[in-house]
């Protein structure tokens, strides 16, 4: 039985662009692992583990097919408006649409989706919240 989640891995083409994006969200570089034809860069948020692994395959020029199964990873931010402003200023990234409450529900926090340089979607959630406990449908 698993005891905890260690990290999520995404494959990226331009490590510099990816690092600028994730560092603009507050991630810190934590380590690197080199292989013959690829390398991993490990990132984490302050006070947390190394939760994000960026894998770079040498010579990769074509975008990765993200597939229809992947949707997003989610991050909690203290101030969504400020985070979106910082992303715009630092890495020229805009949200997919203006911040909103999912389903128009007032009991849920504001969220917005952005994409990293490789097109991976990141959900930004304003402030931490308890996991919803809606009844089965």
Protein backbone atom coordinates (compact mmCIF):
# COMPACT_ATOMS: atom_id res chain seq x y z
CA UNK A 1 0.00 0.00 0.00
CA UNK A 2 1.32 3.46 -0.89
CA UNK A 3 2.22 5.79 1.95
CA UNK A 4 2.42 9.14 0.10
CA UNK A 5 2.68 10.77 -3.30
CA UNK A 6 6.26 11.63 -4.22
CA UNK A 7 5.99 13.53 -7.50
CA UNK A 8 4.29 14.08 -10.82
CA UNK A 9 6.39 13.99 -13.98
CA UNK A 10 5.81 15.94 -17.18
CA UNK A 11 7.96 15.88 -20.29
CA UNK A 12 9.10 19.30 -21.49
CA UNK A 13 10.97 20.53 -24.55
CA UNK A 14 12.46 23.84 -23.38
CA UNK A 15 13.71 23.50 -19.82
CA UNK A 16 14.50 27.20 -19.51
CA UNK A 17 10.95 28.25 -20.46
CA UNK A 18 9.51 25.60 -18.15
CA UNK A 19 11.69 26.68 -15.24
CA UNK A 20 10.71 30.33 -15.73
CA UNK A 21 7.02 29.32 -15.68
CA UNK A 22 7.17 27.07 -12.62
CA UNK A 23 9.48 29.42 -10.72
CA UNK A 24 6.96 32.23 -11.39
CA UNK A 25 4.46 30.02 -9.53
CA UNK A 26 6.85 29.71 -6.57
CA UNK A 27 8.57 26.39 -7.30
CA UNK A 28 12.23 25.99 -6.35
CA UNK A 29 14.84 23.87 -8.11
CA UNK A 30 15.75 20.95 -5.90
CA UNK A 31 17.85 18.53 -7.93
CA UNK A 32 18.81 17.01 -11.24
CA UNK A 33 19.30 13.45 -12.48
CA UNK A 34 21.20 12.85 -15.74
CA UNK A 35 20.80 9.88 -18.09
CA UNK A 36 22.42 9.06 -21.44
CA UNK A 37 19.78 10.78 -23.57
CA UNK A 38 17.59 12.62 -21.05
CA UNK A 39 17.61 14.36 -17.69
CA UNK A 40 15.17 15.19 -14.92
CA UNK A 41 14.92 18.46 -13.01
CA UNK A 42 13.13 18.23 -9.66
CA UNK A 43 11.12 21.13 -8.25
CA UNK A 44 9.21 21.75 -5.05
CA UNK A 45 7.27 24.46 -3.28
CA UNK A 46 8.72 26.04 -0.13
CA UNK A 47 8.10 23.81 2.87
CA UNK A 48 7.03 20.84 0.73
CA UNK A 49 8.76 17.91 -0.96
CA UNK A 50 10.12 17.63 -4.48
CA UNK A 51 6.71 17.16 -6.07
CA UNK A 52 7.34 18.04 -9.72
CA UNK A 53 9.72 16.27 -12.08
CA UNK A 54 10.43 17.87 -15.46
CA UNK A 55 11.90 15.36 -17.92
CA UNK A 56 13.86 16.61 -20.93
CA UNK A 57 14.64 14.16 -23.74
CA UNK A 58 17.69 15.28 -25.71
CA UNK A 59 16.92 16.40 -29.27
CA UNK A 60 13.13 16.49 -28.84
CA UNK A 61 11.72 19.16 -31.15
CA UNK A 62 8.09 18.08 -31.68
CA UNK A 63 5.48 18.91 -29.05
CA UNK A 64 4.37 16.01 -26.89
CA UNK A 65 0.87 14.65 -27.45
CA UNK A 66 -0.82 15.38 -24.15
CA UNK A 67 -3.60 12.87 -24.73
CA UNK A 68 -7.22 13.20 -23.74
CA UNK A 69 -6.80 11.57 -20.34
CA UNK A 70 -4.54 14.18 -18.78
CA UNK A 71 -6.42 17.21 -17.52
CA UNK A 72 -4.44 19.25 -14.99
CA UNK A 73 -2.51 19.54 -11.77
CA UNK A 74 -3.82 21.90 -9.10
CA UNK A 75 -2.02 24.42 -6.92
CA UNK A 76 -3.33 26.50 -4.03
CA UNK A 77 -2.37 30.19 -4.18
CA UNK A 78 -2.94 32.88 -1.53
CA UNK A 79 -4.11 35.59 -3.95
CA UNK A 80 -5.34 34.44 -7.36
CA UNK A 81 -5.46 37.95 -8.88
CA UNK A 82 -1.87 38.62 -7.84
CA UNK A 83 -0.67 35.21 -9.07
CA UNK A 84 -2.28 35.80 -12.47
CA UNK A 85 -0.74 39.29 -12.62
CA UNK A 86 2.68 37.84 -11.76
CA UNK A 87 2.39 35.17 -14.47
CA UNK A 88 1.42 37.82 -17.01
CA UNK A 89 4.35 40.06 -16.06
CA UNK A 90 7.02 37.37 -15.63
CA UNK A 91 6.24 34.79 -18.34
CA UNK A 92 3.47 36.40 -20.48
CA UNK A 93 0.86 33.78 -19.53
CA UNK A 94 -2.84 34.58 -19.35
CA UNK A 95 -5.58 32.39 -17.87
CA UNK A 96 -7.75 30.37 -20.24
CA UNK A 97 -10.67 32.51 -19.05
CA UNK A 98 -11.20 34.93 -16.15
CA UNK A 99 -11.21 33.51 -12.62
CA UNK A 100 -14.49 31.89 -11.63
CA UNK A 101 -16.19 29.71 -9.04
CA UNK A 102 -16.76 26.19 -10.46
CA UNK A 103 -20.40 25.63 -11.31
CA UNK A 104 -21.12 29.15 -10.10
CA UNK A 105 -21.16 27.75 -6.55
CA UNK A 106 -20.45 30.30 -3.83
CA UNK A 107 -19.19 27.54 -1.52
CA UNK A 108 -16.19 26.89 -3.79
CA UNK A 109 -13.07 29.06 -4.10
CA UNK A 110 -12.11 31.10 -7.14
CA UNK A 111 -10.10 29.15 -9.70
CA UNK A 112 -8.37 29.80 -13.01
CA UNK A 113 -6.52 27.58 -15.46
CA UNK A 114 -3.22 28.45 -17.12
CA UNK A 115 -0.96 26.44 -19.41
CA UNK A 116 2.76 25.89 -19.04
CA UNK A 117 5.07 26.27 -22.08
CA UNK A 118 4.30 22.70 -23.21
CA UNK A 119 0.53 23.07 -22.90
CA UNK A 120 0.04 21.27 -19.58
CA UNK A 121 -2.93 22.77 -17.76
CA UNK A 122 -2.45 24.04 -14.22
CA UNK A 123 -5.44 24.84 -12.02
CA UNK A 124 -4.82 27.70 -9.63
CA UNK A 125 -7.14 27.65 -6.59
CA UNK A 126 -7.43 30.68 -4.35
CA UNK A 127 -6.80 29.59 -0.79
CA UNK A 128 -6.96 26.11 0.62
CA UNK A 129 -10.35 24.45 0.98
CA UNK A 130 -11.82 21.22 2.24
CA UNK A 131 -12.49 18.46 -0.30
CA UNK A 132 -16.15 18.76 -1.39
CA UNK A 133 -18.50 16.09 -0.02
CA UNK A 134 -21.39 16.22 -2.48
CA UNK A 135 -23.67 13.15 -2.59
CA UNK A 136 -23.31 10.50 -5.32
CA UNK A 137 -25.10 11.32 -8.57
